[in-house]
Amino acid sequence: MNWYLEVLKKYAVFGERARRTEYWMFVLFNLIITFVLGFVEGLVGSPGMIAMLYGLAVFIPGLAVSVRRLHDTSHSGWWLLISLVPLIGMVVLLVFMVQDSKPGQNSYGANPKEATA
């Protein structure tokens, strides 16, 4: 849960690097929260407004952590646009997101894995 809250605290930080753990924990908690909201709204018979508001609330933090994750693998944040290419783009982006951090410092800052070790 700390990883999720850390991403929300750095909701507009696009210029640093994010570890794999930070990115994937944010994705995991987003999936869990979205599933729970959808389930509850389905039981209540609501049109899904709460889930839509939640999605809007975490859009910018999700975008920021994705860009920081790409920076950690020495890729520009503009690589997120490759997800617009059907199927191939999502596969390429997934490969980038699961790669290990590039060791040492790159043009986006110090390696967060080495800084915490």
PDB file of N, CA and C in Angstrom:
ATOM      1  N   MET A   1       0.821  -1.194   0.000  1.00  0.00           N
ATOM      2  CA  MET A   1       0.000   0.000   0.000  1.00  0.00           C
ATOM      3  C   MET A   1       0.867   1.260   0.000  1.00  0.00           C
ATOM      4  N   ASN A   2       2.060   1.170   0.609  1.00  0.00           N
ATOM      5  CA  ASN A   2       2.954   2.329   0.633  1.00  0.00           C
ATOM      6  C   ASN A   2       3.391   2.740  -0.767  1.00  0.00           C
ATOM      7  N   TRP A   3       3.602   1.732  -1.642  1.00  0.00           N
ATOM      8  CA  TRP A   3       3.996   2.040  -3.015  1.00  0.00           C
ATOM      9  C   TRP A   3       2.885   2.808  -3.722  1.00  0.00           C
ATOM     10  N   TYR A   4       1.653   2.402  -3.510  1.00  0.00           N
ATOM     11  CA  TYR A   4       0.506   3.064  -4.135  1.00  0.00           C
ATOM     12  C   TYR A   4       0.403   4.516  -3.663  1.00  0.00           C
ATOM     13  N   LEU A   5       0.529   4.719  -2.370  1.00  0.00           N
ATOM     14  CA  LEU A   5       0.449   6.070  -1.815  1.00  0.00           C
ATOM     15  C   LEU A   5       1.627   6.933  -2.261  1.00  0.00           C
ATOM     16  N   GLU A   6       2.788   6.319  -2.420  1.00  0.00           N
ATOM     17  CA  GLU A   6       3.956   7.063  -2.886  1.00  0.00           C
ATOM     18  C   GLU A   6       3.728   7.600  -4.303  1.00  0.00           C
ATOM     19  N   VAL A   7       3.109   6.794  -5.148  1.00  0.00           N
ATOM     20  CA  VAL A   7       2.799   7.250  -6.506  1.00  0.00           C
ATOM     21  C   VAL A   7       1.806   8.404  -6.458  1.00  0.00           C
ATOM     22  N   LEU A   8       0.816   8.317  -5.599  1.00  0.00           N
ATOM     23  CA  LEU A   8      -0.159   9.400  -5.491  1.00  0.00           C
ATOM     24  C   LEU A   8       0.476  10.681  -4.965  1.00  0.00           C
ATOM     25  N   LYS A   9       1.463  10.553  -4.086  1.00  0.00           N
ATOM     26  CA  LYS A   9       2.161  11.736  -3.573  1.00  0.00           C
ATOM     27  C   LYS A   9       2.975  12.412  -4.675  1.00  0.00           C
ATOM     28  N   LYS A  10       3.552  11.594  -5.575  1.00  0.00           N
ATOM     29  CA  LYS A  10       4.352  12.139  -6.675  1.00  0.00           C
ATOM     30  C   LYS A  10       3.512  12.163  -7.958  1.00  0.00           C
ATOM     31  N   TYR A  11       2.273  12.647  -7.844  1.00  0.00           N
ATOM     32  CA  TYR A  11       1.314  12.557  -8.948  1.00  0.00           C
ATOM     33  C   TYR A  11       1.718  13.345 -10.186  1.00  0.00           C
ATOM     34  N   ALA A  12       2.555  14.352 -10.053  1.00  0.00           N
ATOM     35  CA  ALA A  12       2.923  15.160 -11.211  1.00  0.00           C
ATOM     36  C   ALA A  12       4.424  15.168 -11.450  1.00  0.00           C
ATOM     37  N   VAL A  13       5.137  14.181 -10.931  1.00  0.00           N
ATOM     38  CA  VAL A  13       6.586  14.095 -11.128  1.00  0.00           C
ATOM     39  C   VAL A  13       6.834  13.202 -12.335  1.00  0.00           C
ATOM     40  N   PHE A  14       7.251  13.829 -13.430  1.00  0.00           N
ATOM     41  CA  PHE A  14       7.490  13.088 -14.659  1.00  0.00           C
ATOM     42  C   PHE A  14       8.978  12.941 -14.967  1.00  0.00           C
ATOM     43  N   GLY A  15       9.835  13.646 -14.243  1.00  0.00           N
ATOM     44  CA  GLY A  15      11.236  13.717 -14.621  1.00  0.00           C
ATOM     45  C   GLY A  15      12.176  12.788 -13.893  1.00  0.00           C
ATOM     46  N   GLU A  16      11.684  11.900 -13.070  1.00  0.00           N
ATOM     47  CA  GLU A  16      12.567  11.014 -12.314  1.00  0.00           C
ATOM     48  C   GLU A  16      12.459   9.585 -12.832  1.00  0.00           C
ATOM     49  N   ARG A  17      12.853   8.642 -11.977  1.00  0.00           N
ATOM     50  CA  ARG A  17      12.802   7.222 -12.325  1.00  0.00           C
ATOM     51  C   ARG A  17      11.956   6.480 -11.289  1.00  0.00           C
ATOM     52  N   ALA A  18      11.284   5.414 -11.732  1.00  0.00           N
ATOM     53  CA  ALA A  18      10.468   4.596 -10.823  1.00  0.00           C
ATOM     54  C   ALA A  18      10.881   3.140 -10.956  1.00  0.00           C
ATOM     55  N   ARG A  19      11.031   2.485  -9.830  1.00  0.00           N
ATOM     56  CA  ARG A  19      11.381   1.064  -9.818  1.00  0.00           C
ATOM     57  C   ARG A  19      10.227   0.223 -10.324  1.00  0.00           C
ATOM     58  N   ARG A  20      10.536  -1.018 -10.698  1.00  0.00           N
ATOM     59  CA  ARG A  20       9.487  -1.951 -11.124  1.00  0.00           C
ATOM     60  C   ARG A  20       8.459  -2.149 -10.035  1.00  0.00           C
ATOM     61  N   THR A  21       8.915  -2.291  -8.799  1.00  0.00           N
ATOM     62  CA  THR A  21       7.994  -2.521  -7.688  1.00  0.00           C
ATOM     63  C   THR A  21       6.992  -1.394  -7.563  1.00  0.00           C
ATOM     64  N   GLU A  22       7.473  -0.162  -7.663  1.00  0.00           N
ATOM     65  CA  GLU A  22       6.586   0.996  -7.547  1.00  0.00           C
ATOM     66  C   GLU A  22       5.522   0.965  -8.637  1.00  0.00           C
ATOM     67  N   TYR A  23       5.922   0.705  -9.863  1.00  0.00           N
ATOM     68  CA  TYR A  23       4.976   0.685 -10.988  1.00  0.00           C
ATOM     69  C   TYR A  23       3.969  -0.459 -10.859  1.00  0.00           C
ATOM     70  N   TRP A  24       4.464  -1.665 -10.631  1.00  0.00           N
ATOM     71  CA  TRP A  24       3.568  -2.826 -10.640  1.00  0.00           C
ATOM     72  C   TRP A  24       2.666  -2.875  -9.410  1.00  0.00           C
ATOM     73  N   MET A  25       3.115  -2.369  -8.279  1.00  0.00           N
ATOM     74  CA  MET A  25       2.232  -2.293  -7.115  1.00  0.00           C
ATOM     75  C   MET A  25       1.115  -1.281  -7.353  1.00  0.00           C
ATOM     76  N   PHE A  26       1.435  -0.184  -8.031  1.00  0.00           N
ATOM     77  CA  PHE A  26       0.408   0.790  -8.384  1.00  0.00           C
ATOM     78  C   PHE A  26      -0.615   0.162  -9.324  1.00  0.00           C
ATOM     79  N   VAL A  27      -0.139  -0.588 -10.307  1.00  0.00           N
ATOM     80  CA  VAL A  27      -1.045  -1.261 -11.242  1.00  0.00           C
ATOM     81  C   VAL A  27      -1.910  -2.280 -10.501  1.00  0.00           C
ATOM     82  N   LEU A  28      -1.300  -3.062  -9.610  1.00  0.00           N
ATOM     83  CA  LEU A  28      -2.047  -4.072  -8.859  1.00  0.00           C
ATOM     84  C   LEU A  28      -3.143  -3.443  -8.000  1.00  0.00           C
ATOM     85  N   PHE A  29      -2.794  -2.417  -7.245  1.00  0.00           N
ATOM     86  CA  PHE A  29      -3.799  -1.766  -6.395  1.00  0.00           C
ATOM     87  C   PHE A  29      -4.885  -1.095  -7.226  1.00  0.00           C
ATOM     88  N   ASN A  30      -4.525  -0.546  -8.376  1.00  0.00           N
ATOM     89  CA  ASN A  30      -5.544   0.028  -9.253  1.00  0.00           C
ATOM     90  C   ASN A  30      -6.522  -1.036  -9.733  1.00  0.00           C
ATOM     91  N   LEU A  31      -6.010  -2.196 -10.107  1.00  0.00           N
ATOM     92  CA  LEU A  31      -6.889  -3.282 -10.546  1.00  0.00           C
ATOM     93  C   LEU A  31      -7.809  -3.741  -9.423  1.00  0.00           C
ATOM     94  N   ILE A  32      -7.265  -3.888  -8.232  1.00  0.00           N
ATOM     95  CA  ILE A  32      -8.079  -4.329  -7.097  1.00  0.00           C
ATOM     96  C   ILE A  32      -9.161  -3.304  -6.773  1.00  0.00           C
ATOM     97  N   ILE A  33      -8.787  -2.039  -6.698  1.00  0.00           N
ATOM     98  CA  ILE A  33      -9.765  -0.993  -6.372  1.00  0.00           C
ATOM     99  C   ILE A  33     -10.830  -0.889  -7.458  1.00  0.00           C
ATOM    100  N   THR A  34     -10.428  -0.959  -8.723  1.00  0.00           N
ATOM    101  CA  THR A  34     -11.389  -0.885  -9.820  1.00  0.00           C
ATOM    102  C   THR A  34     -12.350  -2.074  -9.795  1.00  0.00           C
ATOM    103  N   PHE A  35     -11.824  -3.265  -9.512  1.00  0.00           N
ATOM    104  CA  PHE A  35     -12.673  -4.451  -9.431  1.00  0.00           C
ATOM    105  C   PHE A  35     -13.683  -4.314  -8.296  1.00  0.00           C
ATOM    106  N   VAL A  36     -13.224  -3.883  -7.130  1.00  0.00           N
ATOM    107  CA  VAL A  36     -14.121  -3.731  -5.973  1.00  0.00           C
ATOM    108  C   VAL A  36     -15.181  -2.672  -6.254  1.00  0.00           C
ATOM    109  N   LEU A  37     -14.781  -1.542  -6.822  1.00  0.00           N
ATOM    110  CA  LEU A  37     -15.752  -0.496  -7.146  1.00  0.00           C
ATOM    111  C   LEU A  37     -16.778  -0.988  -8.162  1.00  0.00           C
ATOM    112  N   GLY A  38     -16.317  -1.701  -9.178  1.00  0.00           N
ATOM    113  CA  GLY A  38     -17.231  -2.249 -10.175  1.00  0.00           C
ATOM    114  C   GLY A  38     -18.188  -3.263  -9.578  1.00  0.00           C
ATOM    115  N   PHE A  39     -17.674  -4.099  -8.690  1.00  0.00           N
ATOM    116  CA  PHE A  39     -18.514  -5.107  -8.049  1.00  0.00           C
ATOM    117  C   PHE A  39     -19.583  -4.456  -7.174  1.00  0.00           C
ATOM    118  N   VAL A  40     -19.172  -3.491  -6.359  1.00  0.00           N
ATOM    119  CA  VAL A  40     -20.119  -2.803  -5.471  1.00  0.00           C
ATOM    120  C   VAL A  40     -21.147  -2.024  -6.284  1.00  0.00           C
ATOM    121  N   GLU A  41     -20.694  -1.343  -7.316  1.00  0.00           N
ATOM    122  CA  GLU A  41     -21.642  -0.585  -8.138  1.00  0.00           C
ATOM    123  C   GLU A  41     -22.584  -1.514  -8.896  1.00  0.00           C
ATOM    124  N   GLY A  42     -22.108  -2.694  -9.250  1.00  0.00           N
ATOM    125  CA  GLY A  42     -22.983  -3.677  -9.890  1.00  0.00           C
ATOM    126  C   GLY A  42     -24.048  -4.191  -8.940  1.00  0.00           C
ATOM    127  N   LEU A  43     -23.689  -4.406  -7.681  1.00  0.00           N
ATOM    128  CA  LEU A  43     -24.659  -4.861  -6.687  1.00  0.00           C
ATOM    129  C   LEU A  43     -25.711  -3.795  -6.399  1.00  0.00           C
ATOM    130  N   VAL A  44     -25.271  -2.558  -6.351  1.00  0.00           N
ATOM    131  CA  VAL A  44     -26.170  -1.459  -6.021  1.00  0.00           C
ATOM    132  C   VAL A  44     -27.019  -1.057  -7.238  1.00  0.00           C
ATOM    133  N   GLY A  45     -26.524  -1.338  -8.425  1.00  0.00           N
ATOM    134  CA  GLY A  45     -27.242  -0.955  -9.636  1.00  0.00           C
ATOM    135  C   GLY A  45     -26.904   0.447 -10.094  1.00  0.00           C
ATOM    136  N   SER A  46     -25.766   0.936  -9.668  1.00  0.00           N
ATOM    137  CA  SER A  46     -25.305   2.279 -10.017  1.00  0.00           C
ATOM    138  C   SER A  46     -24.758   2.280 -11.447  1.00  0.00           C
ATOM    139  N   PRO A  47     -24.795   3.426 -12.132  1.00  0.00           N
ATOM    140  CA  PRO A  47     -24.308   3.473 -13.518  1.00  0.00           C
ATOM    141  C   PRO A  47     -22.788   3.506 -13.662  1.00  0.00           C
ATOM    142  N   GLY A  48     -22.041   3.428 -12.587  1.00  0.00           N
ATOM    143  CA  GLY A  48     -20.586   3.383 -12.660  1.00  0.00           C
ATOM    144  C   GLY A  48     -19.903   4.726 -12.511  1.00  0.00           C
ATOM    145  N   MET A  49     -20.568   5.669 -11.905  1.00  0.00           N
ATOM    146  CA  MET A  49     -19.996   7.001 -11.759  1.00  0.00           C
ATOM    147  C   MET A  49     -18.798   7.023 -10.799  1.00  0.00           C
ATOM    148  N   ILE A  50     -18.850   6.240  -9.742  1.00  0.00           N
ATOM    149  CA  ILE A  50     -17.752   6.242  -8.769  1.00  0.00           C
ATOM    150  C   ILE A  50     -16.485   5.671  -9.411  1.00  0.00           C
ATOM    151  N   ALA A  51     -16.631   4.593 -10.171  1.00  0.00           N
ATOM    152  CA  ALA A  51     -15.477   4.007 -10.854  1.00  0.00           C
ATOM    153  C   ALA A  51     -14.916   4.974 -11.896  1.00  0.00           C
ATOM    154  N   MET A  52     -15.789   5.704 -12.568  1.00  0.00           N
ATOM    155  CA  MET A  52     -15.333   6.675 -13.555  1.00  0.00           C
ATOM    156  C   MET A  52     -14.579   7.821 -12.871  1.00  0.00           C
ATOM    157  N   LEU A  53     -15.085   8.297 -11.754  1.00  0.00           N
ATOM    158  CA  LEU A  53     -14.396   9.356 -11.015  1.00  0.00           C
ATOM    159  C   LEU A  53     -13.049   8.879 -10.482  1.00  0.00           C
ATOM    160  N   TYR A  54     -13.000   7.636 -10.012  1.00  0.00           N
ATOM    161  CA  TYR A  54     -11.735   7.070  -9.549  1.00  0.00           C
ATOM    162  C   TYR A  54     -10.746   6.999 -10.705  1.00  0.00           C
ATOM    163  N   GLY A  55     -11.201   6.551 -11.861  1.00  0.00           N
ATOM    164  CA  GLY A  55     -10.339   6.478 -13.034  1.00  0.00           C
ATOM    165  C   GLY A  55      -9.776   7.833 -13.425  1.00  0.00           C
ATOM    166  N   LEU A  56     -10.607   8.850 -13.357  1.00  0.00           N
ATOM    167  CA  LEU A  56     -10.131  10.204 -13.655  1.00  0.00           C
ATOM    168  C   LEU A  56      -9.131  10.684 -12.612  1.00  0.00           C
ATOM    169  N   ALA A  57      -9.360  10.312 -11.358  1.00  0.00           N
ATOM    170  CA  ALA A  57      -8.481  10.751 -10.270  1.00  0.00           C
ATOM    171  C   ALA A  57      -7.083  10.140 -10.371  1.00  0.00           C
ATOM    172  N   VAL A  58      -6.972   8.913 -10.843  1.00  0.00           N
ATOM    173  CA  VAL A  58      -5.663   8.254 -10.903  1.00  0.00           C
ATOM    174  C   VAL A  58      -5.053   8.279 -12.306  1.00  0.00           C
ATOM    175  N   PHE A  59      -5.682   8.978 -13.245  1.00  0.00           N
ATOM    176  CA  PHE A  59      -5.139   9.031 -14.607  1.00  0.00           C
ATOM    177  C   PHE A  59      -3.764   9.703 -14.644  1.00  0.00           C
ATOM    178  N   ILE A  60      -3.658  10.904 -14.087  1.00  0.00           N
ATOM    179  CA  ILE A  60      -2.386  11.630 -14.110  1.00  0.00           C
ATOM    180  C   ILE A  60      -1.312  10.907 -13.288  1.00  0.00           C
ATOM    181  N   PRO A  61      -1.604  10.434 -12.058  1.00  0.00           N
ATOM    182  CA  PRO A  61      -0.564   9.671 -11.345  1.00  0.00           C
ATOM    183  C   PRO A  61      -0.132   8.411 -12.106  1.00  0.00           C
ATOM    184  N   GLY A  62      -1.073   7.742 -12.767  1.00  0.00           N
ATOM    185  CA  GLY A  62      -0.726   6.556 -13.548  1.00  0.00           C
ATOM    186  C   GLY A  62       0.154   6.892 -14.735  1.00  0.00           C
ATOM    187  N   LEU A  63      -0.154   7.996 -15.383  1.00  0.00           N
ATOM    188  CA  LEU A  63       0.666   8.457 -16.494  1.00  0.00           C
ATOM    189  C   LEU A  63       2.071   8.818 -16.015  1.00  0.00           C
ATOM    190  N   ALA A  64       2.143   9.510 -14.874  1.00  0.00           N
ATOM    191  CA  ALA A  64       3.442   9.919 -14.328  1.00  0.00           C
ATOM    192  C   ALA A  64       4.297   8.716 -13.948  1.00  0.00           C
ATOM    193  N   VAL A  65       3.716   7.722 -13.285  1.00  0.00           N
ATOM    194  CA  VAL A  65       4.511   6.563 -12.881  1.00  0.00           C
ATOM    195  C   VAL A  65       4.919   5.740 -14.108  1.00  0.00           C
ATOM    196  N   SER A  66       4.107   5.730 -15.141  1.00  0.00           N
ATOM    197  CA  SER A  66       4.486   5.028 -16.373  1.00  0.00           C
ATOM    198  C   SER A  66       5.669   5.708 -17.047  1.00  0.00           C
ATOM    199  N   VAL A  67       5.649   7.018 -17.095  1.00  0.00           N
ATOM    200  CA  VAL A  67       6.772   7.764 -17.682  1.00  0.00           C
ATOM    201  C   VAL A  67       8.028   7.555 -16.846  1.00  0.00           C
ATOM    202  N   ARG A  68       7.894   7.604 -15.528  1.00  0.00           N
ATOM    203  CA  ARG A  68       9.064   7.384 -14.664  1.00  0.00           C
ATOM    204  C   ARG A  68       9.604   5.972 -14.820  1.00  0.00           C
ATOM    205  N   ARG A  69       8.719   4.997 -15.028  1.00  0.00           N
ATOM    206  CA  ARG A  69       9.158   3.609 -15.238  1.00  0.00           C
ATOM    207  C   ARG A  69       9.936   3.493 -16.544  1.00  0.00           C
ATOM    208  N   LEU A  70       9.453   4.152 -17.591  1.00  0.00           N
ATOM    209  CA  LEU A  70      10.185   4.144 -18.857  1.00  0.00           C
ATOM    210  C   LEU A  70      11.538   4.826 -18.693  1.00  0.00           C
ATOM    211  N   HIS A  71      11.588   5.904 -17.925  1.00  0.00           N
ATOM    212  CA  HIS A  71      12.861   6.574 -17.668  1.00  0.00           C
ATOM    213  C   HIS A  71      13.841   5.642 -16.964  1.00  0.00           C
ATOM    214  N   ASP A  72      13.347   4.782 -16.092  1.00  0.00           N
ATOM    215  CA  ASP A  72      14.203   3.859 -15.362  1.00  0.00           C
ATOM    216  C   ASP A  72      14.859   2.847 -16.291  1.00  0.00           C
ATOM    217  N   THR A  73      14.215   2.573 -17.419  1.00  0.00           N
ATOM    218  CA  THR A  73      14.785   1.643 -18.396  1.00  0.00           C
ATOM    219  C   THR A  73      15.476   2.398 -19.526  1.00  0.00           C
ATOM    220  N   SER A  74      15.760   3.687 -19.309  1.00  0.00           N
ATOM    221  CA  SER A  74      16.452   4.556 -20.265  1.00  0.00           C
ATOM    222  C   SER A  74      15.673   4.776 -21.560  1.00  0.00           C
ATOM    223  N   HIS A  75      14.359   4.857 -21.444  1.00  0.00           N
ATOM    224  CA  HIS A  75      13.506   5.181 -22.584  1.00  0.00           C
ATOM    225  C   HIS A  75      12.786   6.492 -22.294  1.00  0.00           C
ATOM    226  N   SER A  76      12.493   7.197 -23.346  1.00  0.00           N
ATOM    227  CA  SER A  76      11.747   8.445 -23.210  1.00  0.00           C
ATOM    228  C   SER A  76      10.296   8.137 -22.853  1.00  0.00           C
ATOM    229  N   GLY A  77       9.650   9.065 -22.172  1.00  0.00           N
ATOM    230  CA  GLY A  77       8.235   8.910 -21.846  1.00  0.00           C
ATOM    231  C   GLY A  77       7.346   8.888 -23.075  1.00  0.00           C
ATOM    232  N   TRP A  78       7.847   9.402 -24.179  1.00  0.00           N
ATOM    233  CA  TRP A  78       7.073   9.397 -25.418  1.00  0.00           C
ATOM    234  C   TRP A  78       6.809   7.982 -25.922  1.00  0.00           C
ATOM    235  N   TRP A  79       7.549   6.993 -25.419  1.00  0.00           N
ATOM    236  CA  TRP A  79       7.316   5.602 -25.804  1.00  0.00           C
ATOM    237  C   TRP A  79       5.931   5.122 -25.360  1.00  0.00           C
ATOM    238  N   LEU A  80       5.277   5.835 -24.462  1.00  0.00           N
ATOM    239  CA  LEU A  80       3.908   5.463 -24.085  1.00  0.00           C
ATOM    240  C   LEU A  80       2.967   5.524 -25.286  1.00  0.00           C
ATOM    241  N   LEU A  81       3.288   6.368 -26.235  1.00  0.00           N
ATOM    242  CA  LEU A  81       2.435   6.494 -27.418  1.00  0.00           C
ATOM    243  C   LEU A  81       2.436   5.245 -28.286  1.00  0.00           C
ATOM    244  N   ILE A  82       3.421   4.373 -28.100  1.00  0.00           N
ATOM    245  CA  ILE A  82       3.447   3.146 -28.888  1.00  0.00           C
ATOM    246  C   ILE A  82       2.259   2.241 -28.542  1.00  0.00           C
ATOM    247  N   SER A  83       1.657   2.464 -27.390  1.00  0.00           N
ATOM    248  CA  SER A  83       0.489   1.668 -27.009  1.00  0.00           C
ATOM    249  C   SER A  83      -0.707   1.951 -27.923  1.00  0.00           C
ATOM    250  N   LEU A  84      -0.636   3.007 -28.717  1.00  0.00           N
ATOM    251  CA  LEU A  84      -1.704   3.303 -29.675  1.00  0.00           C
ATOM    252  C   LEU A  84      -1.674   2.369 -30.875  1.00  0.00           C
ATOM    253  N   VAL A  85      -0.540   1.707 -31.100  1.00  0.00           N
ATOM    254  CA  VAL A  85      -0.445   0.709 -32.165  1.00  0.00           C
ATOM    255  C   VAL A  85      -1.106  -0.568 -31.653  1.00  0.00           C
ATOM    256  N   PRO A  86      -2.118  -1.061 -32.346  1.00  0.00           N
ATOM    257  CA  PRO A  86      -2.837  -2.237 -31.842  1.00  0.00           C
ATOM    258  C   PRO A  86      -1.917  -3.447 -31.639  1.00  0.00           C
ATOM    259  N   LEU A  87      -2.102  -4.123 -30.530  1.00  0.00           N
ATOM    260  CA  LEU A  87      -1.427  -5.343 -30.109  1.00  0.00           C
ATOM    261  C   LEU A  87       0.089  -5.212 -29.989  1.00  0.00           C
ATOM    262  N   ILE A  88       0.779  -4.900 -31.072  1.00  0.00           N
ATOM    263  CA  ILE A  88       2.243  -4.813 -31.053  1.00  0.00           C
ATOM    264  C   ILE A  88       2.700  -3.751 -30.056  1.00  0.00           C
ATOM    265  N   GLY A  89       2.031  -2.609 -30.048  1.00  0.00           N
ATOM    266  CA  GLY A  89       2.421  -1.523 -29.160  1.00  0.00           C
ATOM    267  C   GLY A  89       2.322  -1.910 -27.697  1.00  0.00           C
ATOM    268  N   MET A  90       1.259  -2.604 -27.329  1.00  0.00           N
ATOM    269  CA  MET A  90       1.096  -3.021 -25.935  1.00  0.00           C
ATOM    270  C   MET A  90       2.150  -4.057 -25.541  1.00  0.00           C
ATOM    271  N   VAL A  91       2.516  -4.929 -26.456  1.00  0.00           N
ATOM    272  CA  VAL A  91       3.547  -5.930 -26.168  1.00  0.00           C
ATOM    273  C   VAL A  91       4.903  -5.250 -25.953  1.00  0.00           C
ATOM    274  N   VAL A  92       5.231  -4.300 -26.823  1.00  0.00           N
ATOM    275  CA  VAL A  92       6.493  -3.570 -26.683  1.00  0.00           C
ATOM    276  C   VAL A  92       6.522  -2.816 -25.356  1.00  0.00           C
ATOM    277  N   LEU A  93       5.423  -2.149 -25.031  1.00  0.00           N
ATOM    278  CA  LEU A  93       5.351  -1.400 -23.774  1.00  0.00           C
ATOM    279  C   LEU A  93       5.456  -2.334 -22.570  1.00  0.00           C
ATOM    280  N   LEU A  94       4.835  -3.495 -22.633  1.00  0.00           N
ATOM    281  CA  LEU A  94       4.938  -4.472 -21.541  1.00  0.00           C
ATOM    282  C   LEU A  94       6.383  -4.926 -21.355  1.00  0.00           C
ATOM    283  N   VAL A  95       7.083  -5.156 -22.445  1.00  0.00           N
ATOM    284  CA  VAL A  95       8.493  -5.561 -22.363  1.00  0.00           C
ATOM    285  C   VAL A  95       9.315  -4.466 -21.680  1.00  0.00           C
ATOM    286  N   PHE A  96       9.064  -3.209 -22.045  1.00  0.00           N
ATOM    287  CA  PHE A  96       9.782  -2.109 -21.407  1.00  0.00           C
ATOM    288  C   PHE A  96       9.480  -2.043 -19.915  1.00  0.00           C
ATOM    289  N   MET A  97       8.227  -2.280 -19.547  1.00  0.00           N
ATOM    290  CA  MET A  97       7.826  -2.134 -18.145  1.00  0.00           C
ATOM    291  C   MET A  97       8.360  -3.263 -17.255  1.00  0.00           C
ATOM    292  N   VAL A  98       8.632  -4.430 -17.814  1.00  0.00           N
ATOM    293  CA  VAL A  98       9.130  -5.535 -16.992  1.00  0.00           C
ATOM    294  C   VAL A  98      10.653  -5.611 -16.968  1.00  0.00           C
ATOM    295  N   GLN A  99      11.318  -4.808 -17.780  1.00  0.00           N
ATOM    296  CA  GLN A  99      12.779  -4.808 -17.775  1.00  0.00           C
ATOM    297  C   GLN A  99      13.315  -4.310 -16.439  1.00  0.00           C
ATOM    298  N   ASP A 100      14.507  -4.779 -16.113  1.00  0.00           N
ATOM    299  CA  ASP A 100      15.174  -4.320 -14.898  1.00  0.00           C
ATOM    300  C   ASP A 100      15.697  -2.902 -15.111  1.00  0.00           C
ATOM    301  N   SER A 101      15.948  -2.219 -14.016  1.00  0.00           N
ATOM    302  CA  SER A 101      16.496  -0.864 -14.067  1.00  0.00           C
ATOM    303  C   SER A 101      17.857  -0.870 -14.742  1.00  0.00           C
ATOM    304  N   LYS A 102      18.125   0.178 -15.483  1.00  0.00           N
ATOM    305  CA  LYS A 102      19.471   0.342 -16.041  1.00  0.00           C
ATOM    306  C   LYS A 102      20.386   0.782 -14.903  1.00  0.00           C
ATOM    307  N   PRO A 103      21.506   0.108 -14.719  1.00  0.00           N
ATOM    308  CA  PRO A 103      22.384   0.443 -13.593  1.00  0.00           C
ATOM    309  C   PRO A 103      23.006   1.827 -13.736  1.00  0.00           C
ATOM    310  N   GLY A 104      23.297   2.410 -12.602  1.00  0.00           N
ATOM    311  CA  GLY A 104      23.943   3.711 -12.579  1.00  0.00           C
ATOM    312  C   GLY A 104      22.993   4.849 -12.902  1.00  0.00           C
ATOM    313  N   GLN A 105      23.576   5.976 -13.116  1.00  0.00           N
ATOM    314  CA  GLN A 105      22.790   7.177 -13.399  1.00  0.00           C
ATOM    315  C   GLN A 105      22.572   7.285 -14.906  1.00  0.00           C
ATOM    316  N   ASN A 106      21.389   7.739 -15.301  1.00  0.00           N
ATOM    317  CA  ASN A 106      21.143   8.050 -16.702  1.00  0.00           C
ATOM    318  C   ASN A 106      20.674   9.491 -16.787  1.00  0.00           C
ATOM    319  N   SER A 107      20.202   9.916 -17.943  1.00  0.00           N
ATOM    320  CA  SER A 107      19.827  11.323 -18.114  1.00  0.00           C
ATOM    321  C   SER A 107      18.585  11.706 -17.316  1.00  0.00           C
ATOM    322  N   TYR A 108      17.919  10.730 -16.701  1.00  0.00           N
ATOM    323  CA  TYR A 108      16.710  11.005 -15.915  1.00  0.00           C
ATOM    324  C   TYR A 108      16.971  10.978 -14.413  1.00  0.00           C
ATOM    325  N   GLY A 109      18.200  10.700 -14.017  1.00  0.00           N
ATOM    326  CA  GLY A 109      18.533  10.725 -12.590  1.00  0.00           C
ATOM    327  C   GLY A 109      19.236   9.461 -12.135  1.00  0.00           C
ATOM    328  N   ALA A 110      19.425   9.391 -10.831  1.00  0.00           N
ATOM    329  CA  ALA A 110      20.091   8.249 -10.223  1.00  0.00           C
ATOM    330  C   ALA A 110      19.161   7.039 -10.186  1.00  0.00           C
ATOM    331  N   ASN A 111      19.748   5.867 -10.186  1.00  0.00           N
ATOM    332  CA  ASN A 111      18.988   4.629 -10.119  1.00  0.00           C
ATOM    333  C   ASN A 111      18.332   4.514  -8.744  1.00  0.00           C
ATOM    334  N   PRO A 112      16.980   4.455  -8.667  1.00  0.00           N
ATOM    335  CA  PRO A 112      16.336   4.379  -7.360  1.00  0.00           C
ATOM    336  C   PRO A 112      16.614   3.075  -6.625  1.00  0.00           C
ATOM    337  N   LYS A 113      16.917   2.031  -7.351  1.00  0.00           N
ATOM    338  CA  LYS A 113      17.240   0.742  -6.716  1.00  0.00           C
ATOM    339  C   LYS A 113      18.561   0.834  -5.977  1.00  0.00           C
ATOM    340  N   GLU A 114      19.534   1.495  -6.559  1.00  0.00           N
ATOM    341  CA  GLU A 114      20.845   1.648  -5.929  1.00  0.00           C
ATOM    342  C   GLU A 114      20.793   2.665  -4.791  1.00  0.00           C
ATOM    343  N   ALA A 115      19.897   3.646  -4.899  1.00  0.00           N
ATOM    344  CA  ALA A 115      19.795   4.687  -3.864  1.00  0.00           C
ATOM    345  C   ALA A 115      19.234   4.130  -2.576  1.00  0.00           C
ATOM    346  N   THR A 116      18.328   3.124  -2.663  1.00  0.00           N
ATOM    347  CA  THR A 116      17.722   2.571  -1.461  1.00  0.00           C
ATOM    348  C   THR A 116      18.510   1.402  -0.895  1.00  0.00           C
ATOM    349  N   ALA A 117      19.429   0.848  -1.680  1.00  0.00           N
ATOM    350  CA  ALA A 117      20.182  -0.312  -1.211  1.00  0.00           C
ATOM    351  C   ALA A 117      21.264   0.064  -0.231  1.00  0.00           C
TER     352      ALA A 117
END
